[in-house]
Protein backbone atom coordinates (compact mmCIF):
# COMPACT_ATOMS: atom_id res chain seq x y z
CA UNK A 1 37.68 26.26 42.50
CA UNK A 2 38.27 22.33 40.92
CA UNK A 3 36.93 19.77 43.08
CA UNK A 4 39.24 16.81 44.35
CA UNK A 5 36.17 14.80 45.50
CA UNK A 6 34.68 11.85 43.15
CA UNK A 7 31.57 12.83 44.71
CA UNK A 8 28.65 11.90 41.88
CA UNK A 9 26.95 14.61 42.84
CA UNK A 10 29.27 17.62 42.39
CA UNK A 11 28.15 19.14 38.81
CA UNK A 12 30.40 18.41 36.43
CA UNK A 13 31.73 21.22 36.12
CA UNK A 14 33.75 21.53 38.76
CA UNK A 15 35.77 18.73 38.10
CA UNK A 16 38.53 18.93 35.71
CA UNK A 17 38.60 16.48 32.52
CA UNK A 18 41.19 14.03 34.64
CA UNK A 19 39.42 13.78 37.63
CA UNK A 20 36.17 12.90 35.27
CA UNK A 21 37.65 10.09 33.53
CA UNK A 22 39.25 8.72 36.79
CA UNK A 23 35.98 9.49 38.30
CA UNK A 24 34.89 7.13 35.23
CA UNK A 25 37.37 4.18 35.63
CA UNK A 26 37.00 4.28 39.57
CA UNK A 27 33.16 3.46 38.84
CA UNK A 28 33.97 0.32 36.05
CA UNK A 29 36.47 -1.19 38.31
CA UNK A 30 34.31 -0.98 41.22
CA UNK A 31 31.12 -2.64 39.07
CA UNK A 32 33.36 -5.00 37.30
CA UNK A 33 34.88 -5.87 40.90
CA UNK A 34 31.35 -6.31 41.57
CA UNK A 35 29.89 -8.36 38.78
CA UNK A 36 33.50 -10.94 39.83
CA UNK A 37 31.71 -11.31 43.44
CA UNK A 38 28.74 -11.47 42.07
CA UNK A 39 29.55 -13.96 40.41
CA UNK A 40 32.05 -16.14 42.91
CA UNK A 41 29.12 -16.70 44.99
CA UNK A 42 27.45 -17.99 41.61
CA UNK A 43 29.71 -20.83 41.38
CA UNK A 44 30.53 -21.20 44.76
CA UNK A 45 26.31 -22.12 45.52
CA UNK A 46 27.06 -24.13 42.12
CA UNK A 47 29.60 -26.13 43.55
CA UNK A 48 28.16 -26.92 46.65
CA UNK A 49 25.23 -27.91 44.42
CA UNK A 50 27.17 -29.98 41.81
CA UNK A 51 29.33 -32.01 45.60
CA UNK A 52 26.11 -33.30 46.57
CA UNK A 53 24.94 -34.15 43.41
CA UNK A 54 28.06 -36.15 43.23
CA UNK A 55 28.31 -37.90 46.27
CA UNK A 56 24.70 -38.47 46.81
CA UNK A 57 25.19 -40.58 43.64
CA UNK A 58 28.23 -42.19 44.16
CA UNK A 59 26.05 -43.41 47.05
CA UNK A 60 23.07 -44.59 44.99
CA UNK A 61 26.05 -46.60 42.41
CA UNK A 62 27.64 -48.01 45.28
CA UNK A 63 23.78 -49.37 46.62
CA UNK A 64 22.82 -50.09 42.95
CA UNK A 65 25.63 -52.72 42.72
CA UNK A 66 25.63 -53.47 46.04
CA UNK A 67 21.90 -54.52 45.44
CA UNK A 68 22.82 -55.97 42.28
CA UNK A 69 25.43 -58.78 43.58
CA UNK A 70 22.45 -59.17 46.38
CA UNK A 71 20.52 -59.96 42.51
CA UNK A 72 23.22 -62.31 41.22
CA UNK A 73 24.00 -64.25 44.85
CA UNK A 74 19.52 -64.95 44.53
CA UNK A 75 19.82 -66.17 41.13
CA UNK A 76 22.68 -67.97 41.49
CA UNK A 77 20.96 -69.89 45.39
CA UNK A 78 18.09 -70.08 43.63
CA UNK A 79 19.31 -71.85 40.58
CA UNK A 80 21.34 -74.15 43.31
CA UNK A 81 18.06 -74.66 45.17
CA UNK A 82 16.38 -76.51 41.58
CA UNK A 83 19.61 -79.05 42.62
CA UNK A 84 21.90 -77.79 41.02
CA UNK A 85 25.85 -77.66 42.69
CA UNK A 86 26.94 -74.18 43.86
CA UNK A 87 29.46 -74.39 41.68
CA UNK A 88 27.58 -74.94 38.34
CA UNK A 89 24.46 -72.43 39.57
CA UNK A 90 27.12 -70.03 39.63
CA UNK A 91 28.84 -71.02 36.32
CA UNK A 92 25.08 -70.74 34.69
CA UNK A 93 25.33 -67.23 35.79
CA UNK A 94 28.68 -65.82 35.33
CA UNK A 95 27.89 -68.02 31.95
CA UNK A 96 24.60 -65.76 31.35
CA UNK A 97 26.57 -62.25 31.49
CA UNK A 98 29.47 -63.27 29.17
CA UNK A 99 27.01 -64.39 26.17
CA UNK A 100 25.07 -60.95 27.18
CA UNK A 101 28.38 -58.94 27.32
CA UNK A 102 30.06 -60.67 23.67
CA UNK A 103 27.29 -60.36 22.50
CA UNK A 104 26.82 -56.48 23.91
CA UNK A 105 30.80 -55.60 21.85
CA UNK A 106 29.57 -57.46 19.53
CA UNK A 107 26.30 -54.48 19.01
CA UNK A 108 28.89 -51.68 19.88
CA UNK A 109 31.65 -52.95 17.14
CA UNK A 110 29.32 -52.69 14.40
CA UNK A 111 27.92 -49.08 15.31
CA UNK A 112 31.14 -48.19 15.45
CA UNK A 113 32.59 -49.50 11.73
CA UNK A 114 29.32 -47.64 11.04
CA UNK A 115 30.43 -44.25 12.49
CA UNK A 116 31.99 -41.61 9.92
CA UNK A 117 33.81 -38.28 10.48
CA UNK A 118 32.28 -35.04 10.27
CA UNK A 119 32.86 -34.54 6.73
CA UNK A 120 31.00 -31.51 5.81
CA UNK A 121 31.95 -29.83 8.88
CA UNK A 122 36.30 -30.46 8.44
CA UNK A 123 35.86 -28.93 5.30
CA UNK A 124 33.88 -25.85 6.07
CA UNK A 125 36.81 -25.61 8.69
CA UNK A 126 39.11 -26.12 6.77
CA UNK A 127 38.04 -23.64 4.39
CA UNK A 128 37.49 -20.65 7.27
CA UNK A 129 41.24 -21.72 8.57
CA UNK A 130 42.05 -21.14 4.68
CA UNK A 131 39.87 -17.98 4.14
CA UNK A 132 41.66 -16.77 7.40
CA UNK A 133 45.30 -17.32 5.07
CA UNK A 134 43.72 -15.20 2.32
CA UNK A 135 43.11 -18.83 0.28
CA UNK A 136 40.04 -20.04 -1.49
CA UNK A 137 39.77 -22.84 -2.61
CA UNK A 138 38.31 -23.91 -6.10
CA UNK A 139 35.06 -26.60 -4.50
CA UNK A 140 34.83 -24.59 -0.89
CA UNK A 141 31.42 -24.49 0.43
CA UNK A 142 29.46 -20.39 -0.11
CA UNK A 143 26.44 -19.48 1.47
CA UNK A 144 24.77 -19.70 -2.33
CA UNK A 145 24.70 -23.40 -2.11
CA UNK A 146 21.64 -25.03 -1.66
CA UNK A 147 21.16 -27.77 0.43
CA UNK A 148 20.32 -30.18 -3.48
CA UNK A 149 24.30 -29.24 -4.07
CA UNK A 150 25.59 -29.98 -0.44
CA UNK A 151 23.93 -33.08 0.49
CA UNK A 152 22.43 -34.48 -2.69
CA UNK A 153 19.12 -34.75 -1.87
CA UNK A 154 15.63 -33.49 -2.37
CA UNK A 155 14.61 -31.28 0.54
CA UNK A 156 10.31 -31.09 0.99
CA UNK A 157 8.32 -28.31 3.12
CA UNK A 158 5.66 -31.45 3.88
CA UNK A 159 6.24 -33.81 6.34
CA UNK A 160 4.71 -36.76 4.89
């Protein structure tokens, strides 16, 4: 007699091939669903923690910005206490920030002018695409190329 239950304790000789395949399928689906449930719980826990972190960071940034504004008012009031008119004190504080911003903008501009595209990465990616398409360039990078051939630099194992 063929056992129609999917009870794992039943000897396999009493089940048909179809029942065995169905049993494997059911067990595999059970494992997959269990793993999905575990992943959902983990992602939910991470999302809650990330939300708490984001909320704390937002409040922190707001408080720091508020403190910064208060420090600026304190600096302007301090200049006013030295005998400057209030408009002059605020103008000096604002002027200092304009100068600092201009210097930082110039530094960012000069650094951005020195940025170059990752040429080796682009070349190897293009070579990979061409290799998938069945093409090979004559100057493509191969595994046999040495560091010196690729970059033109001598490599020493010693650190000085």
